[in-house]
Amino acid sequence: MAVRARLDTTVDLGEIPESAVESMLRISGRAEGTGFLVLAELPSATSGVQARPFRVFGLARRVGFHALERGDVALWKSVLARLDSYAGENETLEAVRTSAILASTACRFDVRFAKRALLHFVDQTKEHQNQAASVLGLWHVGGAALAVGAMSVAVSAARVVVERNQVDLLSALSIPENLETEKLKADVMGGYLGDDGASALRSFVSMAQSLRLAF
Protein backbone atom coordinates (compact mmCIF):
# COMPACT_ATOMS: atom_id res chain seq x y z
CA MET A 1 0.00 0.00 0.00
CA ALA A 2 2.79 2.43 0.84
CA VAL A 3 4.51 1.71 -2.47
CA ARG A 4 1.30 2.19 -4.42
CA ALA A 5 0.70 5.48 -2.63
CA ARG A 6 4.21 6.60 -3.51
CA LEU A 7 3.66 5.81 -7.18
CA ASP A 8 0.13 7.10 -7.55
CA THR A 9 0.32 10.37 -5.67
CA THR A 10 0.02 13.42 -7.89
CA VAL A 11 0.35 15.99 -5.10
CA ASP A 12 3.04 16.54 -2.52
CA LEU A 13 2.17 14.32 0.40
CA GLY A 14 5.46 14.91 2.11
CA GLU A 15 7.72 11.99 2.87
CA ILE A 16 5.12 9.70 4.44
CA PRO A 17 4.74 7.08 1.67
CA GLU A 18 8.46 7.08 0.88
CA SER A 19 9.39 6.91 4.54
CA ALA A 20 7.03 3.99 5.00
CA VAL A 21 8.71 2.09 2.19
CA GLU A 22 12.15 2.82 3.61
CA SER A 23 11.02 1.67 7.05
CA MET A 24 9.65 -1.55 5.60
CA LEU A 25 12.94 -2.26 3.89
CA ARG A 26 15.07 -1.23 6.85
CA ILE A 27 13.42 -3.56 9.36
CA SER A 28 13.05 -6.55 7.06
CA GLY A 29 15.54 -9.26 6.28
CA ARG A 30 15.95 -11.51 3.28
CA ALA A 31 13.42 -14.04 4.55
CA GLU A 32 10.54 -11.55 4.45
CA GLY A 33 11.07 -10.81 0.76
CA THR A 34 10.03 -7.16 1.22
CA GLY A 35 12.32 -6.01 -1.56
CA PHE A 36 10.59 -8.33 -4.01
CA LEU A 37 7.20 -7.01 -2.89
CA VAL A 38 8.29 -3.43 -3.54
CA LEU A 39 9.79 -4.37 -6.89
CA ALA A 40 6.57 -6.12 -7.89
CA GLU A 41 4.66 -2.87 -7.40
CA LEU A 42 6.75 -1.03 -9.95
CA PRO A 43 5.07 -0.69 -13.35
CA SER A 44 6.30 -2.94 -16.11
CA ALA A 45 4.61 -1.01 -18.93
CA THR A 46 6.50 1.88 -20.48
CA SER A 47 3.56 4.22 -20.05
CA GLY A 48 3.51 3.56 -16.34
CA VAL A 49 7.15 4.56 -16.01
CA GLN A 50 6.84 7.66 -18.15
CA ALA A 51 4.04 9.00 -15.99
CA ARG A 52 6.24 9.05 -12.87
CA PRO A 53 9.88 8.22 -13.70
CA PHE A 54 11.49 9.81 -10.65
CA ARG A 55 9.26 7.87 -8.28
CA VAL A 56 9.74 4.59 -10.12
CA PHE A 57 13.51 4.84 -10.37
CA GLY A 58 13.78 6.22 -6.86
CA LEU A 59 12.08 3.11 -5.52
CA ALA A 60 14.14 0.83 -7.75
CA ARG A 61 17.28 2.46 -6.38
CA ARG A 62 16.14 1.94 -2.78
CA VAL A 63 15.39 -1.72 -3.42
CA GLY A 64 18.85 -2.06 -4.93
CA PHE A 65 20.42 -0.55 -1.82
CA HIS A 66 18.38 -2.96 0.28
CA ALA A 67 19.70 -5.90 -1.75
CA LEU A 68 23.26 -4.71 -1.16
CA GLU A 69 22.75 -4.24 2.56
CA ARG A 70 21.27 -7.72 2.89
CA GLY A 71 23.65 -9.39 0.45
CA ASP A 72 20.63 -10.65 -1.46
CA VAL A 73 21.91 -11.88 -4.81
CA ALA A 74 18.48 -12.91 -6.12
CA LEU A 75 16.96 -9.51 -5.37
CA TRP A 76 19.99 -7.74 -6.86
CA LYS A 77 19.58 -9.69 -10.08
CA SER A 78 15.87 -8.86 -10.16
CA VAL A 79 16.48 -5.14 -9.74
CA LEU A 80 19.04 -5.12 -12.55
CA ALA A 81 16.72 -7.14 -14.79
CA ARG A 82 13.94 -4.63 -14.19
CA LEU A 83 16.27 -1.78 -15.11
CA ASP A 84 17.24 -3.70 -18.25
CA SER A 85 13.58 -3.86 -19.24
CA TYR A 86 13.17 -0.12 -18.74
CA ALA A 87 16.34 0.60 -20.72
CA GLY A 88 14.97 -1.51 -23.55
CA GLU A 89 11.92 0.71 -23.79
CA ASN A 90 11.93 4.50 -23.70
CA GLU A 91 13.51 5.09 -20.32
CA THR A 92 17.11 4.41 -21.23
CA LEU A 93 18.56 7.54 -19.62
CA GLU A 94 17.06 7.11 -16.16
CA ALA A 95 17.60 3.36 -16.25
CA VAL A 96 21.31 3.63 -16.98
CA ARG A 97 21.74 6.39 -14.42
CA THR A 98 20.16 4.16 -11.80
CA SER A 99 22.28 1.19 -12.84
CA ALA A 100 25.43 3.32 -12.58
CA ILE A 101 24.47 4.51 -9.09
CA LEU A 102 23.86 0.95 -7.95
CA ALA A 103 27.10 -0.30 -9.49
CA SER A 104 29.15 2.45 -7.85
CA THR A 105 27.51 1.88 -4.46
CA ALA A 106 28.02 -1.88 -4.77
CA CYS A 107 31.79 -1.35 -4.86
CA ARG A 108 31.86 -0.80 -1.10
CA PHE A 109 29.66 -3.82 -0.37
CA ASP A 110 30.66 -6.67 -2.64
CA VAL A 111 32.82 -6.62 -5.76
CA ARG A 112 30.73 -9.42 -7.27
CA PHE A 113 27.61 -7.30 -7.05
CA ALA A 114 29.45 -4.36 -8.59
CA LYS A 115 30.76 -6.44 -11.48
CA ARG A 116 27.30 -7.78 -12.24
CA ALA A 117 25.80 -4.27 -12.22
CA LEU A 118 28.61 -2.98 -14.43
CA LEU A 119 27.92 -5.70 -16.99
CA HIS A 120 24.25 -4.71 -17.05
CA PHE A 121 25.19 -1.04 -17.42
CA VAL A 122 27.51 -1.79 -20.34
CA ASP A 123 24.80 -3.81 -22.07
CA GLN A 124 22.19 -1.09 -21.46
CA THR A 125 24.43 1.55 -23.06
CA LYS A 126 25.84 -0.42 -25.99
CA GLU A 127 23.42 1.27 -28.42
CA HIS A 128 23.93 4.69 -26.83
CA GLN A 129 27.68 4.85 -26.40
CA ASN A 130 27.92 8.49 -27.47
CA GLN A 131 25.48 9.73 -24.84
CA ALA A 132 26.95 11.57 -21.88
CA ALA A 133 25.16 9.21 -19.49
CA SER A 134 27.31 6.36 -20.80
CA VAL A 135 30.70 7.87 -20.00
CA LEU A 136 29.46 9.58 -16.84
CA GLY A 137 28.18 6.27 -15.51
CA LEU A 138 31.50 4.54 -16.17
CA TRP A 139 33.27 7.48 -14.54
CA HIS A 140 31.24 7.09 -11.36
CA VAL A 141 31.67 3.33 -11.23
CA GLY A 142 35.40 3.57 -11.85
CA GLY A 143 35.85 6.34 -9.30
CA ALA A 144 33.90 4.44 -6.66
CA ALA A 145 35.90 1.30 -7.35
CA LEU A 146 39.19 3.13 -6.91
CA ALA A 147 37.93 4.76 -3.72
CA VAL A 148 37.54 1.35 -2.04
CA GLY A 149 40.38 -0.47 -3.79
CA ALA A 150 38.16 -2.61 -6.05
CA MET A 151 40.77 -2.59 -8.78
CA SER A 152 39.19 -5.29 -10.94
CA VAL A 153 36.01 -3.23 -11.26
CA ALA A 154 37.94 -0.02 -11.95
CA VAL A 155 40.01 -1.70 -14.67
CA SER A 156 36.90 -3.21 -16.25
CA ALA A 157 35.20 0.19 -16.37
CA ALA A 158 38.33 1.87 -17.75
CA ARG A 159 38.65 -0.81 -20.42
CA VAL A 160 35.11 -0.08 -21.61
CA VAL A 161 35.94 3.64 -21.80
CA VAL A 162 38.99 2.84 -23.95
CA GLU A 163 37.16 0.36 -26.17
CA ARG A 164 34.40 2.89 -26.77
CA ASN A 165 36.91 5.63 -27.62
CA GLN A 166 35.60 7.80 -24.79
CA VAL A 167 38.91 8.69 -23.14
CA ASP A 168 39.11 12.14 -24.75
CA LEU A 169 35.52 12.88 -23.78
CA LEU A 170 36.18 11.74 -20.22
CA SER A 171 39.30 13.90 -20.07
CA ALA A 172 37.37 16.91 -21.33
CA LEU A 173 34.71 16.39 -18.69
CA SER A 174 37.18 16.24 -15.83
CA ILE A 175 37.42 19.98 -15.18
CA PRO A 176 37.20 21.11 -11.54
CA GLU A 177 33.61 22.33 -11.87
CA ASN A 178 32.44 18.99 -13.24
CA LEU A 179 34.33 17.05 -10.59
CA GLU A 180 32.42 18.85 -7.86
CA THR A 181 29.13 18.52 -9.75
CA GLU A 182 29.52 14.77 -10.20
CA LYS A 183 30.52 14.34 -6.56
CA LEU A 184 27.39 16.25 -5.52
CA LYS A 185 25.24 14.09 -7.80
CA ALA A 186 26.60 10.95 -6.18
CA ASP A 187 25.91 12.34 -2.70
CA VAL A 188 22.35 13.36 -3.55
CA MET A 189 21.42 10.15 -5.36
CA GLY A 190 22.90 7.84 -2.77
CA GLY A 191 25.90 6.84 -4.85
CA TYR A 192 29.38 6.46 -3.44
CA LEU A 193 32.72 8.00 -4.34
CA GLY A 194 34.59 7.67 -1.08
CA ASP A 195 35.71 10.44 1.27
CA ASP A 196 37.41 12.40 -1.51
CA GLY A 197 35.14 11.97 -4.51
CA ALA A 198 36.91 14.50 -6.72
CA SER A 199 40.23 12.73 -6.23
CA ALA A 200 38.68 9.34 -7.01
CA LEU A 201 37.18 10.69 -10.23
CA ARG A 202 40.50 12.25 -11.28
CA SER A 203 42.29 8.99 -10.58
CA PHE A 204 39.92 7.08 -12.82
CA VAL A 205 40.52 9.53 -15.67
CA SER A 206 44.26 8.94 -15.27
CA MET A 207 43.70 5.18 -15.27
CA ALA A 208 41.73 5.33 -18.51
CA GLN A 209 44.38 7.52 -20.12
CA SER A 210 47.13 5.12 -19.07
CA LEU A 211 45.19 2.08 -20.21
CA ARG A 212 44.68 3.61 -23.65
CA LEU A 213 48.45 3.88 -24.04
CA ALA A 214 48.75 0.17 -23.34
CA PHE A 215 46.41 -0.77 -26.20
C-alpha atoms as a PDB file:
ATOM      1  CA  MET A   1       0.000   0.000   0.000  1.00  0.00           C
ATOM      2  CA  ALA A   2       2.792   2.426   0.842  1.00  0.00           C
ATOM      3  CA  VAL A   3       4.512   1.712  -2.474  1.00  0.00           C
ATOM      4  CA  ARG A   4       1.305   2.194  -4.422  1.00  0.00           C
ATOM      5  CA  ALA A   5       0.702   5.480  -2.632  1.00  0.00           C
ATOM      6  CA  ARG A   6       4.209   6.604  -3.511  1.00  0.00           C
ATOM      7  CA  LEU A   7       3.662   5.806  -7.178  1.00  0.00           C
ATOM      8  CA  ASP A   8       0.133   7.096  -7.546  1.00  0.00           C
ATOM      9  CA  THR A   9       0.318  10.367  -5.670  1.00  0.00           C
ATOM     10  CA  THR A  10       0.016  13.421  -7.891  1.00  0.00           C
ATOM     11  CA  VAL A  11       0.354  15.986  -5.096  1.00  0.00           C
ATOM     12  CA  ASP A  12       3.036  16.539  -2.516  1.00  0.00           C
ATOM     13  CA  LEU A  13       2.168  14.324   0.403  1.00  0.00           C
ATOM     14  CA  GLY A  14       5.460  14.912   2.106  1.00  0.00           C
ATOM     15  CA  GLU A  15       7.716  11.994   2.870  1.00  0.00           C
ATOM     16  CA  ILE A  16       5.117   9.702   4.444  1.00  0.00           C
ATOM     17  CA  PRO A  17       4.744   7.079   1.669  1.00  0.00           C
ATOM     18  CA  GLU A  18       8.459   7.083   0.878  1.00  0.00           C
ATOM     19  CA  SER A  19       9.392   6.909   4.537  1.00  0.00           C
ATOM     20  CA  ALA A  20       7.026   3.994   5.001  1.00  0.00           C
ATOM     21  CA  VAL A  21       8.714   2.087   2.187  1.00  0.00           C
ATOM     22  CA  GLU A  22      12.147   2.818   3.614  1.00  0.00           C
ATOM     23  CA  SER A  23      11.018   1.669   7.052  1.00  0.00           C
ATOM     24  CA  MET A  24       9.653  -1.553   5.598  1.00  0.00           C
ATOM     25  CA  LEU A  25      12.942  -2.263   3.885  1.00  0.00           C
ATOM     26  CA  ARG A  26      15.067  -1.233   6.846  1.00  0.00           C
ATOM     27  CA  ILE A  27      13.424  -3.562   9.358  1.00  0.00           C
ATOM     28  CA  SER A  28      13.050  -6.548   7.059  1.00  0.00           C
ATOM     29  CA  GLY A  29      15.545  -9.261   6.277  1.00  0.00           C
ATOM     30  CA  ARG A  30      15.951 -11.514   3.277  1.00  0.00           C
ATOM     31  CA  ALA A  31      13.423 -14.037   4.552  1.00  0.00           C
ATOM     32  CA  GLU A  32      10.539 -11.547   4.452  1.00  0.00           C
ATOM     33  CA  GLY A  33      11.071 -10.807   0.756  1.00  0.00           C
ATOM     34  CA  THR A  34      10.031  -7.164   1.219  1.00  0.00           C
ATOM     35  CA  GLY A  35      12.315  -6.006  -1.558  1.00  0.00           C
ATOM     36  CA  PHE A  36      10.592  -8.333  -4.013  1.00  0.00           C
ATOM     37  CA  LEU A  37       7.200  -7.015  -2.893  1.00  0.00           C
ATOM     38  CA  VAL A  38       8.287  -3.435  -3.537  1.00  0.00           C
ATOM     39  CA  LEU A  39       9.788  -4.373  -6.891  1.00  0.00           C
ATOM     40  CA  ALA A  40       6.567  -6.120  -7.894  1.00  0.00           C
ATOM     41  CA  GLU A  41       4.661  -2.871  -7.396  1.00  0.00           C
ATOM     42  CA  LEU A  42       6.749  -1.028  -9.951  1.00  0.00           C
ATOM     43  CA  PRO A  43       5.070  -0.692 -13.354  1.00  0.00           C
ATOM     44  CA  SER A  44       6.304  -2.937 -16.115  1.00  0.00           C
ATOM     45  CA  ALA A  45       4.614  -1.008 -18.930  1.00  0.00           C
ATOM     46  CA  THR A  46       6.500   1.881 -20.480  1.00  0.00           C
ATOM     47  CA  SER A  47       3.559   4.224 -20.051  1.00  0.00           C
ATOM     48  CA  GLY A  48       3.506   3.559 -16.336  1.00  0.00           C
ATOM     49  CA  VAL A  49       7.145   4.556 -16.014  1.00  0.00           C
ATOM     50  CA  GLN A  50       6.843   7.665 -18.153  1.00  0.00           C
ATOM     51  CA  ALA A  51       4.043   9.002 -15.988  1.00  0.00           C
ATOM     52  CA  ARG A  52       6.237   9.054 -12.865  1.00  0.00           C
ATOM     53  CA  PRO A  53       9.875   8.219 -13.701  1.00  0.00           C
ATOM     54  CA  PHE A  54      11.493   9.811 -10.652  1.00  0.00           C
ATOM     55  CA  ARG A  55       9.257   7.869  -8.278  1.00  0.00           C
ATOM     56  CA  VAL A  56       9.737   4.590 -10.121  1.00  0.00           C
ATOM     57  CA  PHE A  57      13.510   4.835 -10.370  1.00  0.00           C
ATOM     58  CA  GLY A  58      13.783   6.218  -6.856  1.00  0.00           C
ATOM     59  CA  LEU A  59      12.076   3.110  -5.515  1.00  0.00           C
ATOM     60  CA  ALA A  60      14.141   0.829  -7.746  1.00  0.00           C
ATOM     61  CA  ARG A  61      17.280   2.459  -6.382  1.00  0.00           C
ATOM     62  CA  ARG A  62      16.144   1.937  -2.779  1.00  0.00           C
ATOM     63  CA  VAL A  63      15.389  -1.720  -3.418  1.00  0.00           C
ATOM     64  CA  GLY A  64      18.851  -2.064  -4.933  1.00  0.00           C
ATOM     65  CA  PHE A  65      20.425  -0.550  -1.823  1.00  0.00           C
ATOM     66  CA  HIS A  66      18.375  -2.957   0.280  1.00  0.00           C
ATOM     67  CA  ALA A  67      19.702  -5.900  -1.747  1.00  0.00           C
ATOM     68  CA  LEU A  68      23.256  -4.707  -1.160  1.00  0.00           C
ATOM     69  CA  GLU A  69      22.749  -4.239   2.558  1.00  0.00           C
ATOM     70  CA  ARG A  70      21.269  -7.716   2.894  1.00  0.00           C
ATOM     71  CA  GLY A  71      23.654  -9.390   0.449  1.00  0.00           C
ATOM     72  CA  ASP A  72      20.634 -10.649  -1.455  1.00  0.00           C
ATOM     73  CA  VAL A  73      21.911 -11.877  -4.815  1.00  0.00           C
ATOM     74  CA  ALA A  74      18.478 -12.908  -6.117  1.00  0.00           C
ATOM     75  CA  LEU A  75      16.960  -9.509  -5.369  1.00  0.00           C
ATOM     76  CA  TRP A  76      19.989  -7.740  -6.862  1.00  0.00           C
ATOM     77  CA  LYS A  77      19.581  -9.693 -10.084  1.00  0.00           C
ATOM     78  CA  SER A  78      15.875  -8.861 -10.164  1.00  0.00           C
ATOM     79  CA  VAL A  79      16.482  -5.137  -9.741  1.00  0.00           C
ATOM     80  CA  LEU A  80      19.042  -5.123 -12.547  1.00  0.00           C
ATOM     81  CA  ALA A  81      16.717  -7.137 -14.789  1.00  0.00           C
ATOM     82  CA  ARG A  82      13.938  -4.625 -14.190  1.00  0.00           C
ATOM     83  CA  LEU A  83      16.270  -1.783 -15.115  1.00  0.00           C
ATOM     84  CA  ASP A  84      17.236  -3.703 -18.252  1.00  0.00           C
ATOM     85  CA  SER A  85      13.579  -3.858 -19.238  1.00  0.00           C
ATOM     86  CA  TYR A  86      13.166  -0.122 -18.735  1.00  0.00           C
ATOM     87  CA  ALA A  87      16.339   0.602 -20.715  1.00  0.00           C
ATOM     88  CA  GLY A  88      14.969  -1.509 -23.546  1.00  0.00           C
ATOM     89  CA  GLU A  89      11.920   0.706 -23.792  1.00  0.00           C
ATOM     90  CA  ASN A  90      11.929   4.495 -23.699  1.00  0.00           C
ATOM     91  CA  GLU A  91      13.508   5.088 -20.318  1.00  0.00           C
ATOM     92  CA  THR A  92      17.115   4.408 -21.228  1.00  0.00           C
ATOM     93  CA  LEU A  93      18.564   7.541 -19.624  1.00  0.00           C
ATOM     94  CA  GLU A  94      17.055   7.113 -16.159  1.00  0.00           C
ATOM     95  CA  ALA A  95      17.596   3.357 -16.246  1.00  0.00           C
ATOM     96  CA  VAL A  96      21.313   3.628 -16.981  1.00  0.00           C
ATOM     97  CA  ARG A  97      21.738   6.389 -14.422  1.00  0.00           C
ATOM     98  CA  THR A  98      20.161   4.161 -11.802  1.00  0.00           C
ATOM     99  CA  SER A  99      22.276   1.185 -12.837  1.00  0.00           C
ATOM    100  CA  ALA A 100      25.428   3.316 -12.576  1.00  0.00           C
ATOM    101  CA  ILE A 101      24.468   4.510  -9.092  1.00  0.00           C
ATOM    102  CA  LEU A 102      23.860   0.952  -7.949  1.00  0.00           C
ATOM    103  CA  ALA A 103      27.103  -0.301  -9.491  1.00  0.00           C
ATOM    104  CA  SER A 104      29.150   2.452  -7.850  1.00  0.00           C
ATOM    105  CA  THR A 105      27.514   1.879  -4.461  1.00  0.00           C
ATOM    106  CA  ALA A 106      28.024  -1.882  -4.769  1.00  0.00           C
ATOM    107  CA  CYS A 107      31.792  -1.353  -4.858  1.00  0.00           C
ATOM    108  CA  ARG A 108      31.862  -0.804  -1.102  1.00  0.00           C
ATOM    109  CA  PHE A 109      29.661  -3.818  -0.371  1.00  0.00           C
ATOM    110  CA  ASP A 110      30.660  -6.671  -2.644  1.00  0.00           C
ATOM    111  CA  VAL A 111      32.816  -6.624  -5.763  1.00  0.00           C
ATOM    112  CA  ARG A 112      30.732  -9.424  -7.270  1.00  0.00           C
ATOM    113  CA  PHE A 113      27.612  -7.300  -7.046  1.00  0.00           C
ATOM    114  CA  ALA A 114      29.453  -4.360  -8.593  1.00  0.00           C
ATOM    115  CA  LYS A 115      30.759  -6.445 -11.485  1.00  0.00           C
ATOM    116  CA  ARG A 116      27.297  -7.779 -12.242  1.00  0.00           C
ATOM    117  CA  ALA A 117      25.801  -4.275 -12.223  1.00  0.00           C
ATOM    118  CA  LEU A 118      28.608  -2.980 -14.435  1.00  0.00           C
ATOM    119  CA  LEU A 119      27.916  -5.698 -16.986  1.00  0.00           C
ATOM    120  CA  HIS A 120      24.245  -4.710 -17.047  1.00  0.00           C
ATOM    121  CA  PHE A 121      25.187  -1.038 -17.423  1.00  0.00           C
ATOM    122  CA  VAL A 122      27.507  -1.787 -20.341  1.00  0.00           C
ATOM    123  CA  ASP A 123      24.798  -3.809 -22.069  1.00  0.00           C
ATOM    124  CA  GLN A 124      22.189  -1.092 -21.462  1.00  0.00           C
ATOM    125  CA  THR A 125      24.426   1.547 -23.062  1.00  0.00           C
ATOM    126  CA  LYS A 126      25.839  -0.419 -25.990  1.00  0.00           C
ATOM    127  CA  GLU A 127      23.418   1.266 -28.418  1.00  0.00           C
ATOM    128  CA  HIS A 128      23.927   4.688 -26.833  1.00  0.00           C
ATOM    129  CA  GLN A 129      27.675   4.854 -26.404  1.00  0.00           C
ATOM    130  CA  ASN A 130      27.917   8.491 -27.469  1.00  0.00           C
ATOM    131  CA  GLN A 131      25.484   9.730 -24.845  1.00  0.00           C
ATOM    132  CA  ALA A 132      26.950  11.575 -21.881  1.00  0.00           C
ATOM    133  CA  ALA A 133      25.164   9.208 -19.494  1.00  0.00           C
ATOM    134  CA  SER A 134      27.315   6.359 -20.803  1.00  0.00           C
ATOM    135  CA  VAL A 135      30.704   7.867 -19.996  1.00  0.00           C
ATOM    136  CA  LEU A 136      29.465   9.580 -16.837  1.00  0.00           C
ATOM    137  CA  GLY A 137      28.180   6.271 -15.508  1.00  0.00           C
ATOM    138  CA  LEU A 138      31.498   4.541 -16.165  1.00  0.00           C
ATOM    139  CA  TRP A 139      33.266   7.481 -14.544  1.00  0.00           C
ATOM    140  CA  HIS A 140      31.236   7.093 -11.364  1.00  0.00           C
ATOM    141  CA  VAL A 141      31.673   3.326 -11.225  1.00  0.00           C
ATOM    142  CA  GLY A 142      35.399   3.572 -11.845  1.00  0.00           C
ATOM    143  CA  GLY A 143      35.855   6.341  -9.297  1.00  0.00           C
ATOM    144  CA  ALA A 144      33.898   4.443  -6.657  1.00  0.00           C
ATOM    145  CA  ALA A 145      35.901   1.297  -7.348  1.00  0.00           C
ATOM    146  CA  LEU A 146      39.193   3.128  -6.908  1.00  0.00           C
ATOM    147  CA  ALA A 147      37.930   4.757  -3.718  1.00  0.00           C
ATOM    148  CA  VAL A 148      37.540   1.353  -2.044  1.00  0.00           C
ATOM    149  CA  GLY A 149      40.379  -0.471  -3.788  1.00  0.00           C
ATOM    150  CA  ALA A 150      38.162  -2.606  -6.045  1.00  0.00           C
ATOM    151  CA  MET A 151      40.770  -2.586  -8.783  1.00  0.00           C
ATOM    152  CA  SER A 152      39.189  -5.288 -10.936  1.00  0.00           C
ATOM    153  CA  VAL A 153      36.010  -3.225 -11.256  1.00  0.00           C
ATOM    154  CA  ALA A 154      37.941  -0.020 -11.949  1.00  0.00           C
ATOM    155  CA  VAL A 155      40.015  -1.702 -14.674  1.00  0.00           C
ATOM    156  CA  SER A 156      36.901  -3.213 -16.250  1.00  0.00           C
ATOM    157  CA  ALA A 157      35.204   0.189 -16.366  1.00  0.00           C
ATOM    158  CA  ALA A 158      38.329   1.872 -17.752  1.00  0.00           C
ATOM    159  CA  ARG A 159      38.653  -0.810 -20.418  1.00  0.00           C
ATOM    160  CA  VAL A 160      35.106  -0.078 -21.611  1.00  0.00           C
ATOM    161  CA  VAL A 161      35.935   3.639 -21.798  1.00  0.00           C
ATOM    162  CA  VAL A 162      38.987   2.840 -23.945  1.00  0.00           C
ATOM    163  CA  GLU A 163      37.160   0.361 -26.167  1.00  0.00           C
ATOM    164  CA  ARG A 164      34.402   2.885 -26.774  1.00  0.00           C
ATOM    165  CA  ASN A 165      36.909   5.633 -27.617  1.00  0.00           C
ATOM    166  CA  GLN A 166      35.597   7.799 -24.795  1.00  0.00           C
ATOM    167  CA  VAL A 167      38.909   8.690 -23.142  1.00  0.00           C
ATOM    168  CA  ASP A 168      39.108  12.139 -24.746  1.00  0.00           C
ATOM    169  CA  LEU A 169      35.519  12.881 -23.775  1.00  0.00           C
ATOM    170  CA  LEU A 170      36.181  11.736 -20.225  1.00  0.00           C
ATOM    171  CA  SER A 171      39.299  13.901 -20.072  1.00  0.00           C
ATOM    172  CA  ALA A 172      37.369  16.913 -21.333  1.00  0.00           C
ATOM    173  CA  LEU A 173      34.707  16.387 -18.692  1.00  0.00           C
ATOM    174  CA  SER A 174      37.182  16.240 -15.829  1.00  0.00           C
ATOM    175  CA  ILE A 175      37.423  19.977 -15.184  1.00  0.00           C
ATOM    176  CA  PRO A 176      37.199  21.113 -11.540  1.00  0.00           C
ATOM    177  CA  GLU A 177      33.613  22.330 -11.872  1.00  0.00           C
ATOM    178  CA  ASN A 178      32.437  18.992 -13.239  1.00  0.00           C
ATOM    179  CA  LEU A 179      34.333  17.050 -10.592  1.00  0.00           C
ATOM    180  CA  GLU A 180      32.418  18.853  -7.865  1.00  0.00           C
ATOM    181  CA  THR A 181      29.134  18.516  -9.746  1.00  0.00           C
ATOM    182  CA  GLU A 182      29.520  14.772 -10.205  1.00  0.00           C
ATOM    183  CA  LYS A 183      30.519  14.336  -6.563  1.00  0.00           C
ATOM    184  CA  LEU A 184      27.393  16.251  -5.521  1.00  0.00           C
ATOM    185  CA  LYS A 185      25.243  14.089  -7.804  1.00  0.00           C
ATOM    186  CA  ALA A 186      26.596  10.951  -6.176  1.00  0.00           C
ATOM    187  CA  ASP A 187      25.913  12.339  -2.703  1.00  0.00           C
ATOM    188  CA  VAL A 188      22.347  13.363  -3.555  1.00  0.00           C
ATOM    189  CA  MET A 189      21.425  10.152  -5.359  1.00  0.00           C
ATOM    190  CA  GLY A 190      22.900   7.835  -2.768  1.00  0.00           C
ATOM    191  CA  GLY A 191      25.898   6.838  -4.845  1.00  0.00           C
ATOM    192  CA  TYR A 192      29.381   6.464  -3.437  1.00  0.00           C
ATOM    193  CA  LEU A 193      32.724   7.999  -4.337  1.00  0.00           C
ATOM    194  CA  GLY A 194      34.588   7.672  -1.075  1.00  0.00           C
ATOM    195  CA  ASP A 195      35.713  10.442   1.270  1.00  0.00           C
ATOM    196  CA  ASP A 196      37.407  12.397  -1.512  1.00  0.00           C
ATOM    197  CA  GLY A 197      35.136  11.974  -4.507  1.00  0.00           C
ATOM    198  CA  ALA A 198      36.909  14.497  -6.723  1.00  0.00           C
ATOM    199  CA  SER A 199      40.228  12.726  -6.227  1.00  0.00           C
ATOM    200  CA  ALA A 200      38.676   9.339  -7.012  1.00  0.00           C
ATOM    201  CA  LEU A 201      37.177  10.692 -10.229  1.00  0.00           C
ATOM    202  CA  ARG A 202      40.502  12.250 -11.275  1.00  0.00           C
ATOM    203  CA  SER A 203      42.291   8.995 -10.578  1.00  0.00           C
ATOM    204  CA  PHE A 204      39.916   7.085 -12.821  1.00  0.00           C
ATOM    205  CA  VAL A 205      40.521   9.530 -15.669  1.00  0.00           C
ATOM    206  CA  SER A 206      44.262   8.942 -15.268  1.00  0.00           C
ATOM    207  CA  MET A 207      43.704   5.175 -15.269  1.00  0.00           C
ATOM    208  CA  ALA A 208      41.727   5.334 -18.505  1.00  0.00           C
ATOM    209  CA  GLN A 209      44.381   7.524 -20.124  1.00  0.00           C
ATOM    210  CA  SER A 210      47.135   5.115 -19.068  1.00  0.00           C
ATOM    211  CA  LEU A 211      45.195   2.077 -20.212  1.00  0.00           C
ATOM    212  CA  ARG A 212      44.681   3.606 -23.647  1.00  0.00           C
ATOM    213  CA  LEU A 213      48.454   3.883 -24.042  1.00  0.00           C
ATOM    214  CA  ALA A 214      48.745   0.167 -23.342  1.00  0.00           C
ATOM    215  CA  PHE A 215      46.407  -0.771 -26.201  1.00  0.00           C
END
